Amino acid sequence: MEQTGICVWKEYSPGKNRENAACLWWSGGNIVVKNPDQEIRRKMWLIAQSLEAEVQGEEGEYYGRDGE
């Protein structure tokens, strides 16, 4: 997959019926992931740390190191 602003996390460990990759998009100053699970939210938290940012859900909730 090749597109400006997209990052593919190839080491994501998916469930039985999913691909072994997760896509993250850079859009409007945000990193966006559709339907992130706990593992993806943990990865997003690590990325946010290097950007001095936070991980926030659609409903305004914030996620921590553990993805919760």
N, C-alpha and C. Protein backbone atom coordinates (compact mmCIF):
# COMPACT_ATOMS: atom_id res chain seq x y z
N MET A 1 0.85 -1.16 0.00
CA MET A 1 0.00 0.00 0.00
C MET A 1 0.90 1.23 0.00
N GLU A 2 0.69 2.11 -0.92
CA GLU A 2 1.50 3.31 -1.01
C GLU A 2 0.61 4.52 -1.15
N GLN A 3 0.69 5.43 -0.18
CA GLN A 3 -0.13 6.63 -0.19
C GLN A 3 0.52 7.63 0.77
N THR A 4 0.53 8.89 0.41
CA THR A 4 1.10 9.91 1.28
C THR A 4 0.36 9.95 2.60
N GLY A 5 1.12 9.95 3.69
CA GLY A 5 0.53 10.05 5.01
C GLY A 5 0.12 8.73 5.64
N ILE A 6 0.38 7.63 4.97
CA ILE A 6 -0.02 6.34 5.53
C ILE A 6 1.21 5.56 6.02
N CYS A 7 1.02 4.86 7.12
CA CYS A 7 2.07 4.02 7.68
C CYS A 7 1.46 2.64 7.93
N VAL A 8 2.16 1.61 7.54
CA VAL A 8 1.68 0.25 7.75
C VAL A 8 2.55 -0.41 8.82
N TRP A 9 1.92 -0.81 9.91
CA TRP A 9 2.62 -1.52 10.99
C TRP A 9 2.56 -3.00 10.65
N LYS A 10 3.66 -3.53 10.17
CA LYS A 10 3.70 -4.90 9.68
C LYS A 10 3.84 -5.95 10.77
N GLU A 11 4.18 -5.55 11.98
CA GLU A 11 4.38 -6.52 13.05
C GLU A 11 3.19 -6.62 13.99
N TYR A 12 2.06 -6.10 13.57
CA TYR A 12 0.82 -6.20 14.33
C TYR A 12 0.40 -7.67 14.37
N SER A 13 0.01 -8.15 15.55
CA SER A 13 -0.40 -9.56 15.67
C SER A 13 -1.92 -9.65 15.68
N PRO A 14 -2.51 -9.86 14.52
CA PRO A 14 -3.97 -9.85 14.38
C PRO A 14 -4.65 -11.12 14.87
N GLY A 15 -5.97 -11.05 14.89
CA GLY A 15 -6.78 -12.23 15.21
C GLY A 15 -6.75 -13.20 14.04
N LYS A 16 -7.47 -14.27 14.15
CA LYS A 16 -7.43 -15.34 13.15
C LYS A 16 -7.77 -14.90 11.73
N ASN A 17 -8.76 -14.04 11.58
CA ASN A 17 -9.25 -13.71 10.24
C ASN A 17 -8.83 -12.33 9.75
N ARG A 18 -7.71 -11.80 10.26
CA ARG A 18 -7.28 -10.47 9.84
C ARG A 18 -5.87 -10.54 9.28
N GLU A 19 -5.55 -9.53 8.48
CA GLU A 19 -4.21 -9.46 7.90
C GLU A 19 -3.18 -9.15 8.98
N ASN A 20 -1.93 -9.45 8.69
CA ASN A 20 -0.85 -9.21 9.64
C ASN A 20 -0.26 -7.81 9.44
N ALA A 21 -1.13 -6.79 9.43
CA ALA A 21 -0.70 -5.41 9.30
C ALA A 21 -1.81 -4.50 9.81
N ALA A 22 -1.43 -3.33 10.29
CA ALA A 22 -2.40 -2.32 10.71
C ALA A 22 -2.00 -1.02 10.03
N CYS A 23 -2.96 -0.27 9.53
CA CYS A 23 -2.68 0.99 8.83
C CYS A 23 -2.98 2.17 9.73
N LEU A 24 -2.04 3.12 9.75
CA LEU A 24 -2.19 4.36 10.50
C LEU A 24 -2.08 5.50 9.50
N TRP A 25 -2.99 6.48 9.57
CA TRP A 25 -2.98 7.60 8.66
C TRP A 25 -2.62 8.89 9.39
N TRP A 26 -1.83 9.75 8.77
CA TRP A 26 -1.54 11.09 9.27
C TRP A 26 -2.50 12.01 8.55
N SER A 27 -3.40 12.66 9.30
CA SER A 27 -4.42 13.50 8.69
C SER A 27 -4.72 14.69 9.60
N GLY A 28 -4.57 15.87 9.10
CA GLY A 28 -4.92 17.08 9.85
C GLY A 28 -4.20 17.20 11.18
N GLY A 29 -2.94 16.76 11.23
CA GLY A 29 -2.17 16.84 12.46
C GLY A 29 -2.45 15.72 13.45
N ASN A 30 -3.21 14.73 13.02
CA ASN A 30 -3.56 13.59 13.87
C ASN A 30 -3.14 12.29 13.22
N ILE A 31 -2.89 11.29 14.06
CA ILE A 31 -2.69 9.93 13.56
C ILE A 31 -4.02 9.22 13.76
N VAL A 32 -4.57 8.68 12.69
CA VAL A 32 -5.91 8.10 12.70
C VAL A 32 -5.84 6.61 12.40
N VAL A 33 -6.56 5.82 13.19
CA VAL A 33 -6.67 4.39 12.96
C VAL A 33 -8.14 4.03 13.11
N LYS A 34 -8.66 3.28 12.17
CA LYS A 34 -10.06 2.85 12.23
C LYS A 34 -10.18 1.62 13.12
N ASN A 35 -11.05 1.68 14.11
CA ASN A 35 -11.33 0.57 15.03
C ASN A 35 -10.08 -0.04 15.66
N PRO A 36 -9.25 0.76 16.34
CA PRO A 36 -8.04 0.19 16.94
C PRO A 36 -8.36 -0.71 18.13
N ASP A 37 -7.67 -1.83 18.21
CA ASP A 37 -7.81 -2.69 19.38
C ASP A 37 -6.77 -2.25 20.42
N GLN A 38 -6.69 -2.97 21.52
CA GLN A 38 -5.79 -2.59 22.61
C GLN A 38 -4.33 -2.59 22.15
N GLU A 39 -3.93 -3.56 21.34
CA GLU A 39 -2.55 -3.62 20.87
C GLU A 39 -2.19 -2.40 20.02
N ILE A 40 -3.10 -2.00 19.14
CA ILE A 40 -2.85 -0.83 18.30
C ILE A 40 -2.83 0.44 19.15
N ARG A 41 -3.73 0.54 20.12
CA ARG A 41 -3.72 1.72 21.00
C ARG A 41 -2.41 1.81 21.79
N ARG A 42 -1.85 0.66 22.21
CA ARG A 42 -0.55 0.67 22.90
C ARG A 42 0.54 1.19 21.96
N LYS A 43 0.52 0.76 20.70
CA LYS A 43 1.50 1.23 19.72
C LYS A 43 1.33 2.73 19.49
N MET A 44 0.09 3.17 19.39
CA MET A 44 -0.18 4.60 19.20
C MET A 44 0.33 5.40 20.39
N TRP A 45 0.21 4.85 21.59
CA TRP A 45 0.71 5.54 22.79
C TRP A 45 2.23 5.71 22.70
N LEU A 46 2.93 4.68 22.24
CA LEU A 46 4.38 4.77 22.08
C LEU A 46 4.76 5.85 21.07
N ILE A 47 4.04 5.90 19.97
CA ILE A 47 4.29 6.93 18.96
C ILE A 47 4.02 8.31 19.55
N ALA A 48 2.92 8.43 20.28
CA ALA A 48 2.54 9.71 20.89
C ALA A 48 3.61 10.22 21.85
N GLN A 49 4.27 9.32 22.56
CA GLN A 49 5.31 9.74 23.49
C GLN A 49 6.43 10.48 22.78
N SER A 50 6.83 9.99 21.62
CA SER A 50 7.92 10.64 20.88
C SER A 50 7.47 11.98 20.28
N LEU A 51 6.16 12.18 20.14
CA LEU A 51 5.63 13.43 19.59
C LEU A 51 5.12 14.38 20.68
N GLU A 52 5.29 13.96 21.94
CA GLU A 52 4.76 14.71 23.08
C GLU A 52 3.26 14.97 22.88
N ALA A 53 2.55 13.89 22.54
CA ALA A 53 1.12 13.95 22.25
C ALA A 53 0.38 12.95 23.12
N GLU A 54 -0.93 12.85 22.91
CA GLU A 54 -1.77 11.90 23.65
C GLU A 54 -2.58 11.08 22.66
N VAL A 55 -3.09 9.95 23.14
CA VAL A 55 -3.96 9.10 22.34
C VAL A 55 -5.38 9.34 22.83
N GLN A 56 -6.23 9.82 21.91
CA GLN A 56 -7.60 10.17 22.26
C GLN A 56 -8.56 9.49 21.31
N GLY A 57 -9.63 8.92 21.87
CA GLY A 57 -10.65 8.25 21.07
C GLY A 57 -11.68 9.22 20.52
N GLU A 58 -12.56 8.71 19.69
CA GLU A 58 -13.61 9.51 19.04
C GLU A 58 -14.54 10.20 20.03
N GLU A 59 -14.72 9.59 21.18
CA GLU A 59 -15.65 10.14 22.16
C GLU A 59 -14.96 10.97 23.23
N GLY A 60 -13.69 11.35 22.96
CA GLY A 60 -12.96 12.20 23.88
C GLY A 60 -12.17 11.48 24.95
N GLU A 61 -12.24 10.15 24.98
CA GLU A 61 -11.51 9.37 26.00
C GLU A 61 -10.02 9.33 25.65
N TYR A 62 -9.20 9.26 26.69
CA TYR A 62 -7.74 9.19 26.51
C TYR A 62 -7.27 7.79 26.88
N TYR A 63 -6.25 7.33 26.17
CA TYR A 63 -5.70 6.00 26.40
C TYR A 63 -4.28 6.11 26.94
N GLY A 64 -3.91 5.18 27.81
CA GLY A 64 -2.59 5.16 28.41
C GLY A 64 -1.69 4.10 27.80
N ARG A 65 -0.57 3.91 28.45
CA ARG A 65 0.47 2.97 28.01
C ARG A 65 -0.09 1.58 27.72
N ASP A 66 -1.07 1.13 28.52
CA ASP A 66 -1.62 -0.22 28.37
C ASP A 66 -2.71 -0.33 27.31
N GLY A 67 -3.04 0.79 26.64
CA GLY A 67 -4.07 0.77 25.61
C GLY A 67 -5.47 0.85 26.18
N GLU A 68 -5.56 1.05 27.48
CA GLU A 68 -6.87 1.17 28.14
C GLU A 68 -7.11 2.60 28.57
